[in-house]
Amino acid sequence: MANITHISQLDITKSYTVGDYLSWKFDEMVELIKGKIYNMSPAPRGKHQEISGNIFGNLFNLLRSRNLDCKLYSAPYDVYLKGLESWNETVVQPDICIICDFDKIHDKGCVGAPDMIVEILSPSTLRKDVDTKFHLYEENGVREYWIVNPKEKQVLTYTLDLNANVYIEVGNFTEEAKIPITIWNDSSVLWSEIFRNIK
């Protein structure tokens, strides 16, 4: 295989694997979803970064104050939903993820489904986050999924029905409210904290 040092050397019409992904030597952030390449550049805008920081900070404070046995990560952080085997075809980089099974934490990233994932929409990722990743996370057992829409100041939250393996909507939050975190009993984040200082 050729030494891949720039994303332009890849044929986006082809399918790739985790083995390919781990061999690439370029700086651009990409995801692989069922073999298809998704380029994640350009870098997220300021509003996206501020919201991500607000959510991360609130989740981190909850972890600390409640002494929860989980770890919190933000992008760029590789998540190998289907495992690290070279023939697998999916690697994603969620904006934020929570992992409570430390056996899934590897020096290359998370191997398996995180307990919770947060994706913050941008114009270039809207369809992927709302449709493609929604179904991907659902079928791979991510227990809780949040989709945050900066433009509408909206947070859609879902929890996984473990019997049917489908997402059930917990809430569609567009104004002041406590947003429950279903993986942690009796925990929540205020809507106003997520969009604090966001105009």
C-alpha atoms as a PDB file:
ATOM      1  CA  MET A   1       0.000   0.000   0.000  1.00  0.00           C
ATOM      2  CA  ALA A   2       1.203   3.515  -0.848  1.00  0.00           C
ATOM      3  CA  ASN A   3       2.340   5.775   1.978  1.00  0.00           C
ATOM      4  CA  ILE A   4      -0.717   8.040   2.486  1.00  0.00           C
ATOM      5  CA  THR A   5       0.418  11.430   3.768  1.00  0.00           C
ATOM      6  CA  HIS A   6      -2.454  13.615   2.519  1.00  0.00           C
ATOM      7  CA  ILE A   7      -6.191  13.052   2.275  1.00  0.00           C
ATOM      8  CA  SER A   8      -6.084  13.981  -1.424  1.00  0.00           C
ATOM      9  CA  GLN A   9      -4.316  10.658  -2.070  1.00  0.00           C
ATOM     10  CA  LEU A  10      -7.471   8.754  -1.069  1.00  0.00           C
ATOM     11  CA  ASP A  11     -10.268   7.825  -3.455  1.00  0.00           C
ATOM     12  CA  ILE A  12     -13.449   8.859  -1.635  1.00  0.00           C
ATOM     13  CA  THR A  13     -15.530   6.558  -3.848  1.00  0.00           C
ATOM     14  CA  LYS A  14     -13.775   3.498  -2.367  1.00  0.00           C
ATOM     15  CA  SER A  15     -14.329   1.690   0.919  1.00  0.00           C
ATOM     16  CA  TYR A  16     -11.657   1.630   3.601  1.00  0.00           C
ATOM     17  CA  THR A  17     -11.022  -0.253   6.842  1.00  0.00           C
ATOM     18  CA  VAL A  18      -9.647   0.377  10.318  1.00  0.00           C
ATOM     19  CA  GLY A  19      -6.379  -1.104   9.079  1.00  0.00           C
ATOM     20  CA  ASP A  20      -6.220   1.545   6.367  1.00  0.00           C
ATOM     21  CA  TYR A  21      -7.210   4.298   8.804  1.00  0.00           C
ATOM     22  CA  LEU A  22      -4.441   3.410  11.249  1.00  0.00           C
ATOM     23  CA  SER A  23      -1.845   3.462   8.456  1.00  0.00           C
ATOM     24  CA  TRP A  24      -2.637   6.983   7.218  1.00  0.00           C
ATOM     25  CA  LYS A  25      -0.125   9.686   8.107  1.00  0.00           C
ATOM     26  CA  PHE A  26      -1.966  12.957   7.540  1.00  0.00           C
ATOM     27  CA  ASP A  27      -3.238  15.606   9.939  1.00  0.00           C
ATOM     28  CA  GLU A  28      -6.775  16.025   8.581  1.00  0.00           C
ATOM     29  CA  MET A  29      -9.486  14.601  10.829  1.00  0.00           C
ATOM     30  CA  VAL A  30     -11.646  11.992   9.116  1.00  0.00           C
ATOM     31  CA  GLU A  31     -14.210   9.424  10.146  1.00  0.00           C
ATOM     32  CA  LEU A  32     -14.978   6.060   8.579  1.00  0.00           C
ATOM     33  CA  ILE A  33     -18.602   4.972   8.625  1.00  0.00           C
ATOM     34  CA  LYS A  34     -19.167   1.547   7.114  1.00  0.00           C
ATOM     35  CA  GLY A  35     -16.078   2.061   4.973  1.00  0.00           C
ATOM     36  CA  LYS A  36     -17.010   5.504   3.641  1.00  0.00           C
ATOM     37  CA  ILE A  37     -14.699   8.463   4.355  1.00  0.00           C
ATOM     38  CA  TYR A  38     -16.142  11.579   5.977  1.00  0.00           C
ATOM     39  CA  ASN A  39     -13.780  14.557   6.066  1.00  0.00           C
ATOM     40  CA  MET A  40     -14.297  16.516   9.297  1.00  0.00           C
ATOM     41  CA  SER A  41     -12.523  19.712   8.274  1.00  0.00           C
ATOM     42  CA  PRO A  42     -12.857  22.671   8.381  1.00  0.00           C
ATOM     43  CA  ALA A  43     -12.426  23.028  12.128  1.00  0.00           C
ATOM     44  CA  PRO A  44     -15.599  23.677  14.153  1.00  0.00           C
ATOM     45  CA  ARG A  45     -16.701  27.319  14.479  1.00  0.00           C
ATOM     46  CA  GLY A  46     -16.512  29.327  17.672  1.00  0.00           C
ATOM     47  CA  LYS A  47     -20.120  28.772  18.729  1.00  0.00           C
ATOM     48  CA  HIS A  48     -19.695  25.005  18.286  1.00  0.00           C
ATOM     49  CA  GLN A  49     -16.572  25.078  20.454  1.00  0.00           C
ATOM     50  CA  GLU A  50     -18.222  27.177  23.159  1.00  0.00           C
ATOM     51  CA  ILE A  51     -21.217  24.842  23.403  1.00  0.00           C
ATOM     52  CA  SER A  52     -18.920  21.824  23.491  1.00  0.00           C
ATOM     53  CA  GLY A  53     -16.946  23.431  26.316  1.00  0.00           C
ATOM     54  CA  ASN A  54     -20.125  24.232  28.259  1.00  0.00           C
ATOM     55  CA  ILE A  55     -21.403  20.660  27.985  1.00  0.00           C
ATOM     56  CA  PHE A  56     -18.012  19.123  28.758  1.00  0.00           C
ATOM     57  CA  GLY A  57     -17.577  21.363  31.805  1.00  0.00           C
ATOM     58  CA  ASN A  58     -20.992  20.502  33.212  1.00  0.00           C
ATOM     59  CA  LEU A  59     -20.508  16.776  32.659  1.00  0.00           C
ATOM     60  CA  PHE A  60     -17.028  16.925  34.184  1.00  0.00           C
ATOM     61  CA  ASN A  61     -18.369  18.691  37.276  1.00  0.00           C
ATOM     62  CA  LEU A  62     -21.057  16.016  37.654  1.00  0.00           C
ATOM     63  CA  LEU A  63     -18.466  13.252  37.357  1.00  0.00           C
ATOM     64  CA  ARG A  64     -16.371  14.857  40.078  1.00  0.00           C
ATOM     65  CA  SER A  65     -19.157  15.889  42.460  1.00  0.00           C
ATOM     66  CA  ARG A  66     -20.945  12.536  42.313  1.00  0.00           C
ATOM     67  CA  ASN A  67     -17.743  10.484  42.206  1.00  0.00           C
ATOM     68  CA  LEU A  68     -19.009   8.616  39.136  1.00  0.00           C
ATOM     69  CA  ASP A  69     -16.860   5.807  37.798  1.00  0.00           C
ATOM     70  CA  CYS A  70     -16.731   6.992  34.186  1.00  0.00           C
ATOM     71  CA  LYS A  71     -14.365   8.913  31.907  1.00  0.00           C
ATOM     72  CA  LEU A  72     -15.146  11.856  29.667  1.00  0.00           C
ATOM     73  CA  TYR A  73     -13.504  12.598  26.311  1.00  0.00           C
ATOM     74  CA  SER A  74     -13.859  15.272  23.642  1.00  0.00           C
ATOM     75  CA  ALA A  75     -12.873  15.344  19.976  1.00  0.00           C
ATOM     76  CA  PRO A  76     -10.508  14.489  18.522  1.00  0.00           C
ATOM     77  CA  TYR A  77     -10.875  11.061  20.131  1.00  0.00           C
ATOM     78  CA  ASP A  78     -11.240   7.886  18.070  1.00  0.00           C
ATOM     79  CA  VAL A  79     -14.141   5.544  18.793  1.00  0.00           C
ATOM     80  CA  TYR A  80     -13.925   2.101  17.174  1.00  0.00           C
ATOM     81  CA  LEU A  81     -17.545   1.046  17.564  1.00  0.00           C
ATOM     82  CA  LYS A  82     -17.055  -2.391  16.044  1.00  0.00           C
ATOM     83  CA  GLY A  83     -13.574  -3.067  17.401  1.00  0.00           C
ATOM     84  CA  LEU A  84      -9.935  -2.549  16.427  1.00  0.00           C
ATOM     85  CA  GLU A  85      -9.706  -5.496  14.038  1.00  0.00           C
ATOM     86  CA  SER A  86      -8.136  -4.301  10.798  1.00  0.00           C
ATOM     87  CA  TRP A  87     -11.068  -5.437   8.636  1.00  0.00           C
ATOM     88  CA  ASN A  88     -13.656  -3.365  10.490  1.00  0.00           C
ATOM     89  CA  GLU A  89     -14.922  -0.315   8.656  1.00  0.00           C
ATOM     90  CA  THR A  90     -16.032   2.213  11.279  1.00  0.00           C
ATOM     91  CA  VAL A  91     -14.101   4.840  13.261  1.00  0.00           C
ATOM     92  CA  VAL A  92     -15.902   7.959  14.515  1.00  0.00           C
ATOM     93  CA  GLN A  93     -14.841  11.043  16.458  1.00  0.00           C
ATOM     94  CA  PRO A  94     -17.820  12.261  18.508  1.00  0.00           C
ATOM     95  CA  ASP A  95     -17.760  15.776  19.912  1.00  0.00           C
ATOM     96  CA  ILE A  96     -18.090  14.343  23.439  1.00  0.00           C
ATOM     97  CA  CYS A  97     -18.364  10.818  24.803  1.00  0.00           C
ATOM     98  CA  ILE A  98     -18.666   9.174  28.198  1.00  0.00           C
ATOM     99  CA  ILE A  99     -17.207   5.721  28.837  1.00  0.00           C
ATOM    100  CA  CYS A 100     -18.024   3.822  32.021  1.00  0.00           C
ATOM    101  CA  ASP A 101     -16.494   0.466  31.030  1.00  0.00           C
ATOM    102  CA  PHE A 102     -12.768   1.054  31.373  1.00  0.00           C
ATOM    103  CA  ASP A 103     -11.995  -2.173  29.485  1.00  0.00           C
ATOM    104  CA  LYS A 104     -13.060  -0.266  26.347  1.00  0.00           C
ATOM    105  CA  ILE A 105     -10.390   2.399  26.845  1.00  0.00           C
ATOM    106  CA  HIS A 106      -7.357   1.706  24.663  1.00  0.00           C
ATOM    107  CA  ASP A 107      -4.340   3.835  23.837  1.00  0.00           C
ATOM    108  CA  LYS A 108      -5.815   4.294  20.342  1.00  0.00           C
ATOM    109  CA  GLY A 109      -9.250   5.367  21.646  1.00  0.00           C
ATOM    110  CA  CYS A 110     -12.490   3.698  22.701  1.00  0.00           C
ATOM    111  CA  VAL A 111     -12.954   0.135  21.489  1.00  0.00           C
ATOM    112  CA  GLY A 112     -16.698  -0.560  21.537  1.00  0.00           C
ATOM    113  CA  ALA A 113     -19.697   1.649  22.230  1.00  0.00           C
ATOM    114  CA  PRO A 114     -19.378   4.554  24.687  1.00  0.00           C
ATOM    115  CA  ASP A 115     -22.206   4.861  27.205  1.00  0.00           C
ATOM    116  CA  MET A 116     -23.142   8.330  25.972  1.00  0.00           C
ATOM    117  CA  ILE A 117     -22.326  10.433  22.910  1.00  0.00           C
ATOM    118  CA  VAL A 118     -22.991  14.117  22.245  1.00  0.00           C
ATOM    119  CA  GLU A 119     -22.840  15.503  18.704  1.00  0.00           C
ATOM    120  CA  ILE A 120     -23.080  19.250  18.042  1.00  0.00           C
ATOM    121  CA  LEU A 121     -24.516  20.051  14.637  1.00  0.00           C
ATOM    122  CA  SER A 122     -22.818  22.173  12.031  1.00  0.00           C
ATOM    123  CA  PRO A 123     -24.058  22.795   8.477  1.00  0.00           C
ATOM    124  CA  SER A 124     -21.586  20.259   7.072  1.00  0.00           C
ATOM    125  CA  THR A 125     -22.434  17.474   9.568  1.00  0.00           C
ATOM    126  CA  LEU A 126     -26.184  17.918  10.058  1.00  0.00           C
ATOM    127  CA  ARG A 127     -27.353  15.019   7.893  1.00  0.00           C
ATOM    128  CA  LYS A 128     -24.591  12.728   9.150  1.00  0.00           C
ATOM    129  CA  ASP A 129     -25.308  13.417  12.841  1.00  0.00           C
ATOM    130  CA  VAL A 130     -29.118  13.365  12.602  1.00  0.00           C
ATOM    131  CA  ASP A 131     -29.452  10.358  10.304  1.00  0.00           C
ATOM    132  CA  THR A 132     -26.301   8.326   9.622  1.00  0.00           C
ATOM    133  CA  LYS A 133     -24.765   8.529  13.094  1.00  0.00           C
ATOM    134  CA  PHE A 134     -28.143   8.239  14.814  1.00  0.00           C
ATOM    135  CA  HIS A 135     -28.669   4.794  13.301  1.00  0.00           C
ATOM    136  CA  LEU A 136     -25.005   3.846  13.697  1.00  0.00           C
ATOM    137  CA  TYR A 137     -25.007   4.607  17.414  1.00  0.00           C
ATOM    138  CA  GLU A 138     -28.380   2.937  17.859  1.00  0.00           C
ATOM    139  CA  GLU A 139     -27.331  -0.327  16.201  1.00  0.00           C
ATOM    140  CA  ASN A 140     -24.011  -0.419  18.073  1.00  0.00           C
ATOM    141  CA  GLY A 141     -25.511   0.013  21.541  1.00  0.00           C
ATOM    142  CA  VAL A 142     -24.648   3.596  22.559  1.00  0.00           C
ATOM    143  CA  ARG A 143     -26.987   3.939  25.556  1.00  0.00           C
ATOM    144  CA  GLU A 144     -27.623   7.680  25.307  1.00  0.00           C
ATOM    145  CA  TYR A 145     -27.339  10.085  22.372  1.00  0.00           C
ATOM    146  CA  TRP A 146     -27.657  13.880  22.419  1.00  0.00           C
ATOM    147  CA  ILE A 147     -27.949  15.994  19.273  1.00  0.00           C
ATOM    148  CA  VAL A 148     -27.304  19.682  19.952  1.00  0.00           C
ATOM    149  CA  ASN A 149     -28.422  22.284  17.423  1.00  0.00           C
ATOM    150  CA  PRO A 150     -26.596  25.612  18.040  1.00  0.00           C
ATOM    151  CA  LYS A 151     -28.693  27.565  15.542  1.00  0.00           C
ATOM    152  CA  GLU A 152     -32.023  26.593  17.139  1.00  0.00           C
ATOM    153  CA  LYS A 153     -30.614  26.310  20.674  1.00  0.00           C
ATOM    154  CA  GLN A 154     -32.140  22.844  20.761  1.00  0.00           C
ATOM    155  CA  VAL A 155     -31.073  19.637  22.495  1.00  0.00           C
ATOM    156  CA  LEU A 156     -32.627  16.363  21.347  1.00  0.00           C
ATOM    157  CA  THR A 157     -31.922  13.462  23.696  1.00  0.00           C
ATOM    158  CA  TYR A 158     -32.444   9.741  23.191  1.00  0.00           C
ATOM    159  CA  THR A 159     -32.058   6.667  25.346  1.00  0.00           C
ATOM    160  CA  LEU A 160     -31.597   3.136  24.051  1.00  0.00           C
ATOM    161  CA  ASP A 161     -34.362   0.610  24.659  1.00  0.00           C
ATOM    162  CA  LEU A 162     -32.154  -2.379  25.414  1.00  0.00           C
ATOM    163  CA  ASN A 163     -34.906  -4.896  24.609  1.00  0.00           C
ATOM    164  CA  ALA A 164     -35.738  -3.564  21.150  1.00  0.00           C
ATOM    165  CA  ASN A 165     -32.308  -1.952  20.550  1.00  0.00           C
ATOM    166  CA  VAL A 166     -33.942   1.263  19.309  1.00  0.00           C
ATOM    167  CA  TYR A 167     -33.712   4.850  20.494  1.00  0.00           C
ATOM    168  CA  ILE A 168     -36.599   6.390  22.393  1.00  0.00           C
ATOM    169  CA  GLU A 169     -36.801  10.171  22.495  1.00  0.00           C
ATOM    170  CA  VAL A 170     -36.365  11.475  26.039  1.00  0.00           C
ATOM    171  CA  GLY A 171     -36.941  15.112  25.197  1.00  0.00           C
ATOM    172  CA  ASN A 172     -36.711  17.968  22.727  1.00  0.00           C
ATOM    173  CA  PHE A 173     -35.392  20.870  24.802  1.00  0.00           C
ATOM    174  CA  THR A 174     -35.632  24.394  23.362  1.00  0.00           C
ATOM    175  CA  GLU A 175     -35.999  26.512  26.502  1.00  0.00           C
ATOM    176  CA  GLU A 176     -35.060  26.573  30.175  1.00  0.00           C
ATOM    177  CA  ALA A 177     -35.328  23.059  31.613  1.00  0.00           C
ATOM    178  CA  LYS A 178     -33.333  20.359  33.332  1.00  0.00           C
ATOM    179  CA  ILE A 179     -32.050  17.939  30.702  1.00  0.00           C
ATOM    180  CA  PRO A 180     -31.842  14.472  32.271  1.00  0.00           C
ATOM    181  CA  ILE A 181     -28.801  12.273  31.807  1.00  0.00           C
ATOM    182  CA  THR A 182     -30.345   8.822  31.632  1.00  0.00           C
ATOM    183  CA  ILE A 183     -27.115   6.857  32.107  1.00  0.00           C
ATOM    184  CA  TRP A 184     -26.699   8.561  35.488  1.00  0.00           C
ATOM    185  CA  ASN A 185     -29.767   8.382  37.712  1.00  0.00           C
ATOM    186  CA  ASP A 186     -30.977  11.707  39.122  1.00  0.00           C
ATOM    187  CA  SER A 187     -28.462  13.721  37.085  1.00  0.00           C
ATOM    188  CA  SER A 188     -29.184  16.560  34.696  1.00  0.00           C
ATOM    189  CA  VAL A 189     -27.709  19.571  32.930  1.00  0.00           C
ATOM    190  CA  LEU A 190     -29.523  22.875  32.682  1.00  0.00           C
ATOM    191  CA  TRP A 191     -30.461  23.983  29.164  1.00  0.00           C
ATOM    192  CA  SER A 192     -29.277  27.478  30.111  1.00  0.00           C
ATOM    193  CA  GLU A 193     -25.834  26.102  31.015  1.00  0.00           C
ATOM    194  CA  ILE A 194     -25.421  24.477  27.588  1.00  0.00           C
ATOM    195  CA  PHE A 195     -26.201  27.748  25.806  1.00  0.00           C
ATOM    196  CA  ARG A 196     -24.609  30.053  28.364  1.00  0.00           C
ATOM    197  CA  ASN A 197     -23.274  33.199  26.626  1.00  0.00           C
ATOM    198  CA  ILE A 198     -24.309  31.843  23.218  1.00  0.00           C
ATOM    199  CA  LYS A 199     -25.923  34.490  21.006  1.00  0.00           C
END
